Amino acid sequence: MYATASCPYCIRAEQLLRERGVVDLEKIRTDLAPEQRALMIKVSGRRTVPQIFIGDYHVGGCDELFALDRAGKLEPLLCGTAS
């Protein structure tokens, strides 16, 4: 997950992922490493944080993560059983 320290959407997204059992969340701080922000834009096509990837799947931002959860599709994706 590409994030910054003070972004409320990043904090909410991380909290949801933790609630769903994610323990090995890799947080890439774009506020500390500007070159990571450039990479985030290149791989996601977006400029805002958070940008969330589960494996190679680009979820998108916080709103997309919560929508995936509401649709019941987040946990299967996290478990590797999404179809």
PDB file of N, CA and C in Angstrom:
ATOM      1  N   MET A   1       0.843  -1.165   0.000  1.00  0.00           N
ATOM      2  CA  MET A   1       0.000   0.000   0.000  1.00  0.00           C
ATOM      3  C   MET A   1       0.894   1.237   0.000  1.00  0.00           C
ATOM      4  N   TYR A   2       0.681   2.092  -0.977  1.00  0.00           N
ATOM      5  CA  TYR A   2       1.353   3.385  -1.015  1.00  0.00           C
ATOM      6  C   TYR A   2       0.563   4.328  -0.111  1.00  0.00           C
ATOM      7  N   ALA A   3       1.259   5.035   0.783  1.00  0.00           N
ATOM      8  CA  ALA A   3       0.573   5.854   1.768  1.00  0.00           C
ATOM      9  C   ALA A   3       1.455   7.005   2.233  1.00  0.00           C
ATOM     10  N   THR A   4       0.835   7.908   2.990  1.00  0.00           N
ATOM     11  CA  THR A   4       1.572   8.935   3.720  1.00  0.00           C
ATOM     12  C   THR A   4       1.161   8.828   5.184  1.00  0.00           C
ATOM     13  N   ALA A   5       1.931   9.439   6.056  1.00  0.00           N
ATOM     14  CA  ALA A   5       1.692   9.313   7.496  1.00  0.00           C
ATOM     15  C   ALA A   5       0.398   9.975   7.952  1.00  0.00           C
ATOM     16  N   SER A   6       0.070  11.111   7.371  1.00  0.00           N
ATOM     17  CA  SER A   6      -1.055  11.887   7.887  1.00  0.00           C
ATOM     18  C   SER A   6      -2.346  11.755   7.081  1.00  0.00           C
ATOM     19  N   CYS A   7      -2.370  10.898   6.101  1.00  0.00           N
ATOM     20  CA  CYS A   7      -3.549  10.739   5.247  1.00  0.00           C
ATOM     21  C   CYS A   7      -4.642   9.940   5.982  1.00  0.00           C
ATOM     22  N   PRO A   8      -5.809  10.557   6.214  1.00  0.00           N
ATOM     23  CA  PRO A   8      -6.865   9.834   6.923  1.00  0.00           C
ATOM     24  C   PRO A   8      -7.392   8.632   6.134  1.00  0.00           C
ATOM     25  N   TYR A   9      -7.364   8.714   4.821  1.00  0.00           N
ATOM     26  CA  TYR A   9      -7.824   7.585   4.004  1.00  0.00           C
ATOM     27  C   TYR A   9      -6.844   6.415   4.098  1.00  0.00           C
ATOM     28  N   CYS A  10      -5.567   6.729   4.184  1.00  0.00           N
ATOM     29  CA  CYS A  10      -4.546   5.690   4.361  1.00  0.00           C
ATOM     30  C   CYS A  10      -4.744   4.980   5.691  1.00  0.00           C
ATOM     31  N   ILE A  11      -5.023   5.759   6.719  1.00  0.00           N
ATOM     32  CA  ILE A  11      -5.226   5.202   8.057  1.00  0.00           C
ATOM     33  C   ILE A  11      -6.463   4.305   8.073  1.00  0.00           C
ATOM     34  N   ARG A  12      -7.542   4.757   7.455  1.00  0.00           N
ATOM     35  CA  ARG A  12      -8.774   3.944   7.395  1.00  0.00           C
ATOM     36  C   ARG A  12      -8.553   2.661   6.604  1.00  0.00           C
ATOM     37  N   ALA A  13      -7.854   2.763   5.481  1.00  0.00           N
ATOM     38  CA  ALA A  13      -7.597   1.582   4.657  1.00  0.00           C
ATOM     39  C   ALA A  13      -6.749   0.575   5.426  1.00  0.00           C
ATOM     40  N   GLU A  14      -5.714   1.059   6.090  1.00  0.00           N
ATOM     41  CA  GLU A  14      -4.862   0.165   6.866  1.00  0.00           C
ATOM     42  C   GLU A  14      -5.659  -0.496   7.985  1.00  0.00           C
ATOM     43  N   GLN A  15      -6.505   0.278   8.642  1.00  0.00           N
ATOM     44  CA  GLN A  15      -7.321  -0.270   9.723  1.00  0.00           C
ATOM     45  C   GLN A  15      -8.225  -1.389   9.216  1.00  0.00           C
ATOM     46  N   LEU A  16      -8.868  -1.189   8.072  1.00  0.00           N
ATOM     47  CA  LEU A  16      -9.732  -2.229   7.512  1.00  0.00           C
ATOM     48  C   LEU A  16      -8.928  -3.476   7.169  1.00  0.00           C
ATOM     49  N   LEU A  17      -7.783  -3.284   6.547  1.00  0.00           N
ATOM     50  CA  LEU A  17      -6.959  -4.439   6.188  1.00  0.00           C
ATOM     51  C   LEU A  17      -6.527  -5.206   7.440  1.00  0.00           C
ATOM     52  N   ARG A  18      -6.160  -4.503   8.489  1.00  0.00           N
ATOM     53  CA  ARG A  18      -5.783  -5.152   9.754  1.00  0.00           C
ATOM     54  C   ARG A  18      -6.972  -5.907  10.342  1.00  0.00           C
ATOM     55  N   GLU A  19      -8.163  -5.303  10.286  1.00  0.00           N
ATOM     56  CA  GLU A  19      -9.374  -5.965  10.784  1.00  0.00           C
ATOM     57  C   GLU A  19      -9.678  -7.236  10.007  1.00  0.00           C
ATOM     58  N   ARG A  20      -9.270  -7.265   8.755  1.00  0.00           N
ATOM     59  CA  ARG A  20      -9.507  -8.451   7.916  1.00  0.00           C
ATOM     60  C   ARG A  20      -8.352  -9.452   7.999  1.00  0.00           C
ATOM     61  N   GLY A  21      -7.434  -9.222   8.930  1.00  0.00           N
ATOM     62  CA  GLY A  21      -6.400 -10.208   9.201  1.00  0.00           C
ATOM     63  C   GLY A  21      -5.062  -9.994   8.525  1.00  0.00           C
ATOM     64  N   VAL A  22      -4.882  -8.888   7.845  1.00  0.00           N
ATOM     65  CA  VAL A  22      -3.597  -8.631   7.186  1.00  0.00           C
ATOM     66  C   VAL A  22      -2.571  -8.263   8.255  1.00  0.00           C
ATOM     67  N   VAL A  23      -1.518  -9.061   8.356  1.00  0.00           N
ATOM     68  CA  VAL A  23      -0.476  -8.796   9.354  1.00  0.00           C
ATOM     69  C   VAL A  23       0.823  -8.338   8.709  1.00  0.00           C
ATOM     70  N   ASP A  24       1.016  -8.676   7.457  1.00  0.00           N
ATOM     71  CA  ASP A  24       2.269  -8.323   6.780  1.00  0.00           C
ATOM     72  C   ASP A  24       2.061  -7.245   5.718  1.00  0.00           C
ATOM     73  N   LEU A  25       1.409  -6.176   6.132  1.00  0.00           N
ATOM     74  CA  LEU A  25       1.131  -5.064   5.230  1.00  0.00           C
ATOM     75  C   LEU A  25       2.415  -4.303   4.920  1.00  0.00           C
ATOM     76  N   GLU A  26       2.732  -4.204   3.647  1.00  0.00           N
ATOM     77  CA  GLU A  26       3.892  -3.417   3.233  1.00  0.00           C
ATOM     78  C   GLU A  26       3.403  -2.012   2.916  1.00  0.00           C
ATOM     79  N   LYS A  27       3.823  -1.068   3.753  1.00  0.00           N
ATOM     80  CA  LYS A  27       3.440   0.320   3.556  1.00  0.00           C
ATOM     81  C   LYS A  27       4.617   1.066   2.949  1.00  0.00           C
ATOM     82  N   ILE A  28       4.380   1.645   1.783  1.00  0.00           N
ATOM     83  CA  ILE A  28       5.408   2.413   1.088  1.00  0.00           C
ATOM     84  C   ILE A  28       5.059   3.883   1.270  1.00  0.00           C
ATOM     85  N   ARG A  29       5.875   4.574   2.020  1.00  0.00           N
ATOM     86  CA  ARG A  29       5.613   5.967   2.386  1.00  0.00           C
ATOM     87  C   ARG A  29       6.099   6.913   1.289  1.00  0.00           C
ATOM     88  N   THR A  30       5.159   7.445   0.550  1.00  0.00           N
ATOM     89  CA  THR A  30       5.510   8.356  -0.534  1.00  0.00           C
ATOM     90  C   THR A  30       5.916   9.730  -0.030  1.00  0.00           C
ATOM     91  N   ASP A  31       5.577  10.047   1.219  1.00  0.00           N
ATOM     92  CA  ASP A  31       5.989  11.332   1.786  1.00  0.00           C
ATOM     93  C   ASP A  31       7.454  11.313   2.212  1.00  0.00           C
ATOM     94  N   LEU A  32       7.987  10.135   2.439  1.00  0.00           N
ATOM     95  CA  LEU A  32       9.386   9.999   2.848  1.00  0.00           C
ATOM     96  C   LEU A  32      10.315   9.686   1.678  1.00  0.00           C
ATOM     97  N   ALA A  33       9.737   9.156   0.607  1.00  0.00           N
ATOM     98  CA  ALA A  33      10.546   8.739  -0.545  1.00  0.00           C
ATOM     99  C   ALA A  33       9.872   9.203  -1.837  1.00  0.00           C
ATOM    100  N   PRO A  34      10.217  10.397  -2.320  1.00  0.00           N
ATOM    101  CA  PRO A  34       9.577  10.944  -3.520  1.00  0.00           C
ATOM    102  C   PRO A  34       9.691  10.024  -4.742  1.00  0.00           C
ATOM    103  N   GLU A  35      10.771   9.266  -4.833  1.00  0.00           N
ATOM    104  CA  GLU A  35      10.909   8.339  -5.961  1.00  0.00           C
ATOM    105  C   GLU A  35       9.841   7.249  -5.917  1.00  0.00           C
ATOM    106  N   GLN A  36       9.359   6.921  -4.714  1.00  0.00           N
ATOM    107  CA  GLN A  36       8.281   5.935  -4.588  1.00  0.00           C
ATOM    108  C   GLN A  36       6.957   6.512  -5.094  1.00  0.00           C
ATOM    109  N   ARG A  37       6.759   7.803  -4.919  1.00  0.00           N
ATOM    110  CA  ARG A  37       5.549   8.449  -5.443  1.00  0.00           C
ATOM    111  C   ARG A  37       5.527   8.356  -6.964  1.00  0.00           C
ATOM    112  N   ALA A  38       6.672   8.602  -7.586  1.00  0.00           N
ATOM    113  CA  ALA A  38       6.758   8.493  -9.043  1.00  0.00           C
ATOM    114  C   ALA A  38       6.464   7.066  -9.494  1.00  0.00           C
ATOM    115  N   LEU A  39       6.970   6.096  -8.764  1.00  0.00           N
ATOM    116  CA  LEU A  39       6.706   4.693  -9.091  1.00  0.00           C
ATOM    117  C   LEU A  39       5.227   4.366  -8.903  1.00  0.00           C
ATOM    118  N   MET A  40       4.628   4.877  -7.825  1.00  0.00           N
ATOM    119  CA  MET A  40       3.202   4.659  -7.569  1.00  0.00           C
ATOM    120  C   MET A  40       2.362   5.167  -8.734  1.00  0.00           C
ATOM    121  N   ILE A  41       2.677   6.363  -9.214  1.00  0.00           N
ATOM    122  CA  ILE A  41       1.936   6.947 -10.333  1.00  0.00           C
ATOM    123  C   ILE A  41       2.103   6.077 -11.577  1.00  0.00           C
ATOM    124  N   LYS A  42       3.306   5.585 -11.781  1.00  0.00           N
ATOM    125  CA  LYS A  42       3.574   4.750 -12.957  1.00  0.00           C
ATOM    126  C   LYS A  42       2.788   3.434 -12.905  1.00  0.00           C
ATOM    127  N   VAL A  43       2.774   2.759 -11.756  1.00  0.00           N
ATOM    128  CA  VAL A  43       2.130   1.445 -11.680  1.00  0.00           C
ATOM    129  C   VAL A  43       0.620   1.513 -11.495  1.00  0.00           C
ATOM    130  N   SER A  44       0.128   2.616 -10.908  1.00  0.00           N
ATOM    131  CA  SER A  44      -1.315   2.693 -10.648  1.00  0.00           C
ATOM    132  C   SER A  44      -2.049   3.618 -11.609  1.00  0.00           C
ATOM    133  N   GLY A  45      -1.306   4.566 -12.195  1.00  0.00           N
ATOM    134  CA  GLY A  45      -1.953   5.556 -13.043  1.00  0.00           C
ATOM    135  C   GLY A  45      -2.682   6.626 -12.246  1.00  0.00           C
ATOM    136  N   ARG A  46      -2.477   6.638 -10.938  1.00  0.00           N
ATOM    137  CA  ARG A  46      -3.156   7.596 -10.069  1.00  0.00           C
ATOM    138  C   ARG A  46      -2.136   8.372  -9.246  1.00  0.00           C
ATOM    139  N   ARG A  47      -2.546   9.556  -8.793  1.00  0.00           N
ATOM    140  CA  ARG A  47      -1.651  10.437  -8.049  1.00  0.00           C
ATOM    141  C   ARG A  47      -1.967  10.519  -6.558  1.00  0.00           C
ATOM    142  N   THR A  48      -3.091   9.982  -6.137  1.00  0.00           N
ATOM    143  CA  THR A  48      -3.510  10.110  -4.748  1.00  0.00           C
ATOM    144  C   THR A  48      -3.188   8.854  -3.944  1.00  0.00           C
ATOM    145  N   VAL A  49      -3.053   9.041  -2.635  1.00  0.00           N
ATOM    146  CA  VAL A  49      -2.862   7.911  -1.728  1.00  0.00           C
ATOM    147  C   VAL A  49      -4.121   7.737  -0.898  1.00  0.00           C
ATOM    148  N   PRO A  50      -4.390   6.529  -0.468  1.00  0.00           N
ATOM    149  CA  PRO A  50      -3.580   5.345  -0.675  1.00  0.00           C
ATOM    150  C   PRO A  50      -3.824   4.732  -2.047  1.00  0.00           C
ATOM    151  N   GLN A  51      -2.852   3.988  -2.503  1.00  0.00           N
ATOM    152  CA  GLN A  51      -3.019   3.102  -3.646  1.00  0.00           C
ATOM    153  C   GLN A  51      -2.699   1.717  -3.110  1.00  0.00           C
ATOM    154  N   ILE A  52      -3.674   0.842  -3.212  1.00  0.00           N
ATOM    155  CA  ILE A  52      -3.602  -0.456  -2.551  1.00  0.00           C
ATOM    156  C   ILE A  52      -3.493  -1.556  -3.592  1.00  0.00           C
ATOM    157  N   PHE A  53      -2.529  -2.420  -3.356  1.00  0.00           N
ATOM    158  CA  PHE A  53      -2.329  -3.602  -4.182  1.00  0.00           C
ATOM    159  C   PHE A  53      -2.431  -4.821  -3.288  1.00  0.00           C
ATOM    160  N   ILE A  54      -3.152  -5.813  -3.756  1.00  0.00           N
ATOM    161  CA  ILE A  54      -3.179  -7.107  -3.079  1.00  0.00           C
ATOM    162  C   ILE A  54      -2.574  -8.079  -4.074  1.00  0.00           C
ATOM    163  N   GLY A  55      -1.351  -8.471  -3.767  1.00  0.00           N
ATOM    164  CA  GLY A  55      -0.576  -9.211  -4.760  1.00  0.00           C
ATOM    165  C   GLY A  55      -0.346  -8.294  -5.942  1.00  0.00           C
ATOM    166  N   ASP A  56      -0.650  -8.778  -7.124  1.00  0.00           N
ATOM    167  CA  ASP A  56      -0.507  -7.965  -8.327  1.00  0.00           C
ATOM    168  C   ASP A  56      -1.793  -7.199  -8.670  1.00  0.00           C
ATOM    169  N   TYR A  57      -2.849  -7.443  -7.904  1.00  0.00           N
ATOM    170  CA  TYR A  57      -4.144  -6.818  -8.186  1.00  0.00           C
ATOM    171  C   TYR A  57      -4.193  -5.406  -7.611  1.00  0.00           C
ATOM    172  N   HIS A  58      -4.462  -4.429  -8.456  1.00  0.00           N
ATOM    173  CA  HIS A  58      -4.584  -3.033  -8.015  1.00  0.00           C
ATOM    174  C   HIS A  58      -6.023  -2.784  -7.586  1.00  0.00           C
ATOM    175  N   VAL A  59      -6.221  -2.653  -6.294  1.00  0.00           N
ATOM    176  CA  VAL A  59      -7.547  -2.394  -5.738  1.00  0.00           C
ATOM    177  C   VAL A  59      -7.977  -0.972  -6.058  1.00  0.00           C
ATOM    178  N   GLY A  60      -7.056  -0.035  -5.893  1.00  0.00           N
ATOM    179  CA  GLY A  60      -7.358   1.387  -6.048  1.00  0.00           C
ATOM    180  C   GLY A  60      -7.134   2.068  -4.716  1.00  0.00           C
ATOM    181  N   GLY A  61      -8.023   2.990  -4.373  1.00  0.00           N
ATOM    182  CA  GLY A  61      -7.888   3.746  -3.139  1.00  0.00           C
ATOM    183  C   GLY A  61      -8.775   3.220  -2.031  1.00  0.00           C
ATOM    184  N   CYS A  62      -8.949   4.041  -1.021  1.00  0.00           N
ATOM    185  CA  CYS A  62      -9.717   3.671   0.161  1.00  0.00           C
ATOM    186  C   CYS A  62     -11.177   3.364  -0.195  1.00  0.00           C
ATOM    187  N   ASP A  63     -11.790   4.200  -1.008  1.00  0.00           N
ATOM    188  CA  ASP A  63     -13.189   3.972  -1.368  1.00  0.00           C
ATOM    189  C   ASP A  63     -13.374   2.637  -2.078  1.00  0.00           C
ATOM    190  N   GLU A  64     -12.461   2.314  -2.983  1.00  0.00           N
ATOM    191  CA  GLU A  64     -12.557   1.039  -3.710  1.00  0.00           C
ATOM    192  C   GLU A  64     -12.345  -0.144  -2.764  1.00  0.00           C
ATOM    193  N   LEU A  65     -11.443   0.016  -1.796  1.00  0.00           N
ATOM    194  CA  LEU A  65     -11.202  -1.050  -0.823  1.00  0.00           C
ATOM    195  C   LEU A  65     -12.458  -1.323  -0.002  1.00  0.00           C
ATOM    196  N   PHE A  66     -13.094  -0.255   0.480  1.00  0.00           N
ATOM    197  CA  PHE A  66     -14.310  -0.430   1.272  1.00  0.00           C
ATOM    198  C   PHE A  66     -15.449  -0.994   0.421  1.00  0.00           C
ATOM    199  N   ALA A  67     -15.549  -0.598  -0.837  1.00  0.00           N
ATOM    200  CA  ALA A  67     -16.578  -1.138  -1.734  1.00  0.00           C
ATOM    201  C   ALA A  67     -16.352  -2.624  -1.957  1.00  0.00           C
ATOM    202  N   LEU A  68     -15.108  -3.018  -2.123  1.00  0.00           N
ATOM    203  CA  LEU A  68     -14.766  -4.435  -2.290  1.00  0.00           C
ATOM    204  C   LEU A  68     -15.188  -5.217  -1.050  1.00  0.00           C
ATOM    205  N   ASP A  69     -14.940  -4.644   0.112  1.00  0.00           N
ATOM    206  CA  ASP A  69     -15.321  -5.293   1.370  1.00  0.00           C
ATOM    207  C   ASP A  69     -16.832  -5.412   1.481  1.00  0.00           C
ATOM    208  N   ARG A  70     -17.558  -4.329   1.185  1.00  0.00           N
ATOM    209  CA  ARG A  70     -19.021  -4.366   1.266  1.00  0.00           C
ATOM    210  C   ARG A  70     -19.610  -5.403   0.316  1.00  0.00           C
ATOM    211  N   ALA A  71     -18.964  -5.603  -0.822  1.00  0.00           N
ATOM    212  CA  ALA A  71     -19.450  -6.573  -1.815  1.00  0.00           C
ATOM    213  C   ALA A  71     -19.060  -8.004  -1.440  1.00  0.00           C
ATOM    214  N   GLY A  72     -18.327  -8.162  -0.336  1.00  0.00           N
ATOM    215  CA  GLY A  72     -17.923  -9.502   0.087  1.00  0.00           C
ATOM    216  C   GLY A  72     -16.772 -10.071  -0.718  1.00  0.00           C
ATOM    217  N   LYS A  73     -16.044  -9.210  -1.416  1.00  0.00           N
ATOM    218  CA  LYS A  73     -14.981  -9.689  -2.295  1.00  0.00           C
ATOM    219  C   LYS A  73     -13.582  -9.460  -1.742  1.00  0.00           C
ATOM    220  N   LEU A  74     -13.466  -8.721  -0.637  1.00  0.00           N
ATOM    221  CA  LEU A  74     -12.141  -8.438  -0.094  1.00  0.00           C
ATOM    222  C   LEU A  74     -11.517  -9.666   0.552  1.00  0.00           C
ATOM    223  N   GLU A  75     -12.238 -10.327   1.435  1.00  0.00           N
ATOM    224  CA  GLU A  75     -11.653 -11.477   2.139  1.00  0.00           C
ATOM    225  C   GLU A  75     -11.244 -12.593   1.179  1.00  0.00           C
ATOM    226  N   PRO A  76     -12.070 -12.947   0.170  1.00  0.00           N
ATOM    227  CA  PRO A  76     -11.595 -13.966  -0.784  1.00  0.00           C
ATOM    228  C   PRO A  76     -10.327 -13.525  -1.517  1.00  0.00           C
ATOM    229  N   LEU A  77     -10.223 -12.238  -1.821  1.00  0.00           N
ATOM    230  CA  LEU A  77      -9.035 -11.722  -2.486  1.00  0.00           C
ATOM    231  C   LEU A  77      -7.812 -11.843  -1.564  1.00  0.00           C
ATOM    232  N   LEU A  78      -8.008 -11.516  -0.296  1.00  0.00           N
ATOM    233  CA  LEU A  78      -6.930 -11.620   0.674  1.00  0.00           C
ATOM    234  C   LEU A  78      -6.490 -13.070   0.892  1.00  0.00           C
ATOM    235  N   CYS A  79      -7.443 -13.978   0.789  1.00  0.00           N
ATOM    236  CA  CYS A  79      -7.148 -15.398   0.986  1.00  0.00           C
ATOM    237  C   CYS A  79      -6.660 -16.088  -0.282  1.00  0.00           C
ATOM    238  N   GLY A  80      -6.702 -15.357  -1.392  1.00  0.00           N
ATOM    239  CA  GLY A  80      -6.277 -15.943  -2.654  1.00  0.00           C
ATOM    240  C   GLY A  80      -7.308 -16.844  -3.286  1.00  0.00           C
ATOM    241  N   THR A  81      -8.587 -16.671  -2.871  1.00  0.00           N
ATOM    242  CA  THR A  81      -9.652 -17.511  -3.420  1.00  0.00           C
ATOM    243  C   THR A  81     -10.640 -16.742  -4.266  1.00  0.00           C
ATOM    244  N   ALA A  82     -10.273 -15.513  -4.650  1.00  0.00           N
ATOM    245  CA  ALA A  82     -11.173 -14.694  -5.474  1.00  0.00           C
ATOM    246  C   ALA A  82     -11.269 -15.284  -6.866  1.00  0.00           C
ATOM    247  N   SER A  83     -12.462 -15.177  -7.431  1.00  0.00           N
ATOM    248  CA  SER A  83     -12.643 -15.684  -8.795  1.00  0.00           C
ATOM    249  C   SER A  83     -12.851 -14.553  -9.766  1.00  0.00           C
TER     250      SER A  83
END
